[in-house]
Protein backbone atom coordinates (compact mmCIF):
# COMPACT_ATOMS: atom_id res chain seq x y z
CA MET A 1 27.37 72.86 12.84
CA LYS A 2 25.56 72.46 16.15
CA TYR A 3 25.98 69.41 18.38
CA VAL A 4 23.50 68.01 20.90
CA GLY A 5 24.28 64.71 22.58
CA GLU A 6 25.49 63.00 25.71
CA ILE A 7 28.84 62.59 27.35
CA GLY A 8 29.53 59.47 29.38
CA TYR A 9 31.62 59.64 32.52
CA TYR A 10 32.67 57.22 35.22
CA GLY A 11 30.79 57.46 38.49
CA GLU A 12 31.31 55.52 41.70
CA ASP A 13 33.36 52.32 41.82
CA THR A 14 31.31 49.29 42.86
CA ILE A 15 32.20 45.77 43.90
CA LYS A 16 29.44 43.20 43.50
CA ASP A 17 30.05 39.50 44.01
CA GLY A 18 33.79 40.14 43.96
CA VAL A 19 33.67 41.92 40.57
CA TYR A 20 35.00 45.47 40.40
CA THR A 21 33.09 47.75 38.04
CA LYS A 22 32.90 51.45 37.31
CA GLU A 23 29.43 52.84 36.79
CA VAL A 24 29.06 54.92 33.61
CA LEU A 25 26.66 57.86 33.87
CA THR A 26 25.65 60.37 31.22
CA ILE A 27 24.87 64.05 31.01
CA LYS A 28 23.44 66.00 28.05
CA ILE A 29 25.60 68.64 26.43
CA LYS A 30 25.19 71.21 23.66
CA GLY A 31 28.00 72.64 21.61
CA ASP A 32 29.54 72.90 18.16
CA MET A 33 31.12 70.41 15.79
CA ASP A 34 34.26 72.33 14.90
CA GLU A 35 36.05 69.93 12.61
CA LEU A 36 35.63 66.66 10.76
CA ARG A 37 38.91 65.09 9.76
CA ILE A 38 39.09 61.97 7.60
CA ASP A 39 42.44 60.18 7.52
CA LYS A 40 43.14 57.48 4.95
CA VAL A 41 45.50 54.69 5.95
CA SER A 42 47.44 53.20 3.07
CA PRO A 43 46.57 49.59 2.21
CA ASN A 44 50.30 48.81 1.92
CA GLU A 45 50.70 49.09 5.69
CA ASN A 46 50.13 45.93 7.75
CA ASN A 47 49.50 43.81 4.63
CA GLN A 48 45.96 45.16 4.23
CA GLN A 49 44.19 44.82 0.94
CA TYR A 50 41.73 47.70 1.38
CA GLU A 51 42.23 51.24 2.56
CA ASN A 52 41.14 52.06 6.11
CA THR A 53 39.39 55.32 6.86
CA LEU A 54 39.71 57.00 10.26
CA PHE A 55 37.18 59.65 11.23
CA ASN A 56 38.10 62.26 13.82
CA ASN A 57 35.56 64.85 14.93
CA VAL A 58 36.24 67.82 17.19
CA ILE A 59 33.33 68.89 19.39
CA SER A 60 33.53 72.00 21.54
CA PHE A 61 31.24 73.11 24.35
CA ILE A 62 31.21 75.10 27.57
CA PRO A 63 31.45 72.61 30.46
CA ASN A 64 29.53 72.70 33.71
CA ASN A 65 31.21 72.09 37.09
CA LEU A 66 30.66 68.32 36.94
CA ILE A 67 32.35 67.98 33.56
CA ARG A 68 35.25 70.21 34.68
CA GLN A 69 35.72 67.90 37.68
CA LYS A 70 35.61 64.77 35.48
CA ILE A 71 38.17 66.27 33.08
CA LYS A 72 40.57 66.89 35.97
CA SER A 73 40.12 63.35 37.32
CA GLY A 74 40.34 61.72 33.87
CA ASP A 75 36.89 60.16 34.17
CA LEU A 76 35.36 61.03 30.78
CA ALA A 77 34.49 57.85 28.89
CA TYR A 78 32.70 58.62 25.62
CA ILE A 79 30.53 61.03 23.68
CA THR A 80 27.50 60.18 21.55
CA LEU A 81 27.24 61.13 17.89
CA ASP A 82 24.70 59.87 15.36
CA GLY A 83 23.44 57.21 17.77
CA PHE A 84 26.89 55.73 18.47
CA LYS A 85 29.22 56.02 21.44
CA TRP A 86 32.67 57.33 20.45
CA LYS A 87 35.93 57.24 22.41
CA ILE A 88 37.40 60.55 23.48
CA SER A 89 40.92 60.53 22.10
CA SER A 90 42.04 63.95 23.32
CA ILE A 91 40.83 66.86 25.43
CA SER A 92 41.83 70.49 25.00
CA TYR A 93 40.61 72.93 27.65
CA ASN A 94 40.85 76.52 26.41
CA ARG A 95 38.65 78.47 28.79
CA PRO A 96 35.76 78.81 28.59
CA ARG A 97 35.43 75.99 26.01
CA VAL A 98 36.47 72.36 26.02
CA LYS A 99 37.40 70.69 22.73
CA LEU A 100 37.03 66.93 22.55
CA THR A 101 38.54 64.98 19.69
CA ILE A 102 36.71 61.72 19.15
CA GLY A 103 37.73 58.76 17.06
CA GLY A 104 36.92 55.07 17.25
CA LEU A 105 33.85 53.41 18.66
CA TYR A 106 33.60 53.07 22.43
CA ASN A 107 33.35 49.45 23.53
CA GLY A 108 33.15 49.87 27.26
CA GLU A 109 36.88 50.17 27.91
């Protein structure tokens, strides 16, 4: 399945009125959705009444120089999918492709 979306990365650090922030910029990417994994968490854990469902997608693409640089510096923040921003939980770099595993909504942290 083909993927077209954006990847968010941290840009320059800024300090405004004594508040330190990292600017988040985006770049469009195209690639493939390699895997959709759905993990069920038992309701018996943590005294939960209902079952939790965890979605993990693996998206692979060929990175440009900017994304390669941001991978090395650890500055990738999120990836968009179906109109939502998702946290990048792991990165696998098998040249020439990068595989990103995403899971959990990105909340700015």
